[in-house]
Protein backbone atom coordinates (compact mmCIF):
# COMPACT_ATOMS: atom_id res chain seq x y z
CA UNK A 1 87.09 100.16 99.25
CA UNK A 2 88.55 103.57 98.62
CA UNK A 3 87.99 105.41 95.32
CA UNK A 4 90.50 108.06 94.37
CA UNK A 5 89.71 110.75 91.84
CA UNK A 6 92.85 112.35 90.38
CA UNK A 7 92.41 115.41 88.13
CA UNK A 8 94.74 117.62 86.11
CA UNK A 9 94.16 120.30 83.49
CA UNK A 10 96.41 120.35 80.45
CA UNK A 11 97.22 123.40 78.42
CA UNK A 12 94.79 123.06 75.46
CA UNK A 13 97.66 122.41 72.99
CA UNK A 14 99.11 119.73 75.33
CA UNK A 15 96.00 117.59 75.98
CA UNK A 16 97.11 114.72 73.70
CA UNK A 17 100.56 114.71 75.25
CA UNK A 18 99.23 114.67 78.85
CA UNK A 19 96.70 111.96 77.97
CA UNK A 20 99.47 109.83 76.44
CA UNK A 21 101.67 110.45 79.44
CA UNK A 22 98.88 109.41 81.88
CA UNK A 23 98.03 106.25 79.92
CA UNK A 24 101.58 105.18 79.12
CA UNK A 25 103.43 106.17 82.29
CA UNK A 26 101.34 107.13 85.30
CA UNK A 27 98.67 104.45 85.17
CA UNK A 28 101.10 101.56 84.38
CA UNK A 29 103.28 102.70 87.31
CA UNK A 30 100.49 101.70 89.76
CA UNK A 31 99.08 98.80 87.70
CA UNK A 32 100.91 96.01 89.50
CA UNK A 33 99.83 97.08 93.00
CA UNK A 34 97.89 94.17 94.52
CA UNK A 35 95.53 96.61 96.28
CA UNK A 36 94.42 98.21 92.99
CA UNK A 37 90.99 96.97 91.94
CA UNK A 38 90.46 99.02 88.80
CA UNK A 39 91.29 102.16 86.85
CA UNK A 40 89.37 104.41 84.46
CA UNK A 41 90.65 107.43 82.54
CA UNK A 42 88.41 110.24 81.26
CA UNK A 43 89.08 113.46 79.33
CA UNK A 44 86.88 116.53 78.87
CA UNK A 45 86.37 119.27 76.31
CA UNK A 46 88.08 121.78 78.60
CA UNK A 47 91.41 119.86 78.57
CA UNK A 48 90.94 118.07 81.91
CA UNK A 49 91.94 114.49 82.54
CA UNK A 50 90.43 112.48 85.39
CA UNK A 51 91.69 109.13 86.63
CA UNK A 52 89.41 107.12 88.85
CA UNK A 53 91.07 104.30 90.76
CA UNK A 54 89.54 101.77 93.13
CA UNK A 55 91.60 100.35 96.01
CA UNK A 56 91.24 97.65 98.61
CA UNK A 57 93.41 99.69 100.99
CA UNK A 58 95.28 102.96 101.09
CA UNK A 59 95.61 104.37 97.51
CA UNK A 60 98.97 105.04 95.91
CA UNK A 61 99.71 108.50 94.55
CA UNK A 62 99.59 108.92 90.83
CA UNK A 63 102.63 110.69 89.52
CA UNK A 64 102.03 114.12 87.97
CA UNK A 65 102.90 114.96 84.38
CA UNK A 66 105.71 117.39 83.52
CA UNK A 67 104.78 120.86 84.73
CA UNK A 68 105.15 122.56 81.32
CA UNK A 69 102.25 120.46 79.97
CA UNK A 70 99.67 121.46 82.62
CA UNK A 71 98.10 124.56 84.04
CA UNK A 72 98.75 123.50 87.67
CA UNK A 73 99.76 120.46 89.74
CA UNK A 74 97.25 117.58 89.84
CA UNK A 75 94.71 117.33 92.67
CA UNK A 76 93.21 114.19 94.15
CA UNK A 77 90.33 113.31 96.44
CA UNK A 78 89.42 110.06 98.16
CA UNK A 79 85.87 108.75 98.40
CA UNK A 80 84.21 105.78 100.02
CA UNK A 81 81.07 104.00 98.77
CA UNK A 82 77.71 105.04 100.17
CA UNK A 83 75.10 102.34 100.77
CA UNK A 84 71.63 103.33 99.58
């Protein structure tokens, strides 16, 4: 399993718009992929949005929101589970 963490920071006045965009456009765009196991979306007090996706195989890229809504392009990192 591969876990991808995708993060973007909205301009403070655009947080609601970016969150709506992520939930209504970006996440549904990958939702039908048979390798997708699950998705979670989080927001923070400093206008960041994080999407955690779990994949059976190579993760798909999440589309970034319109540039005028965010402080910079999104970043993503891939992780694999650690057995304890």
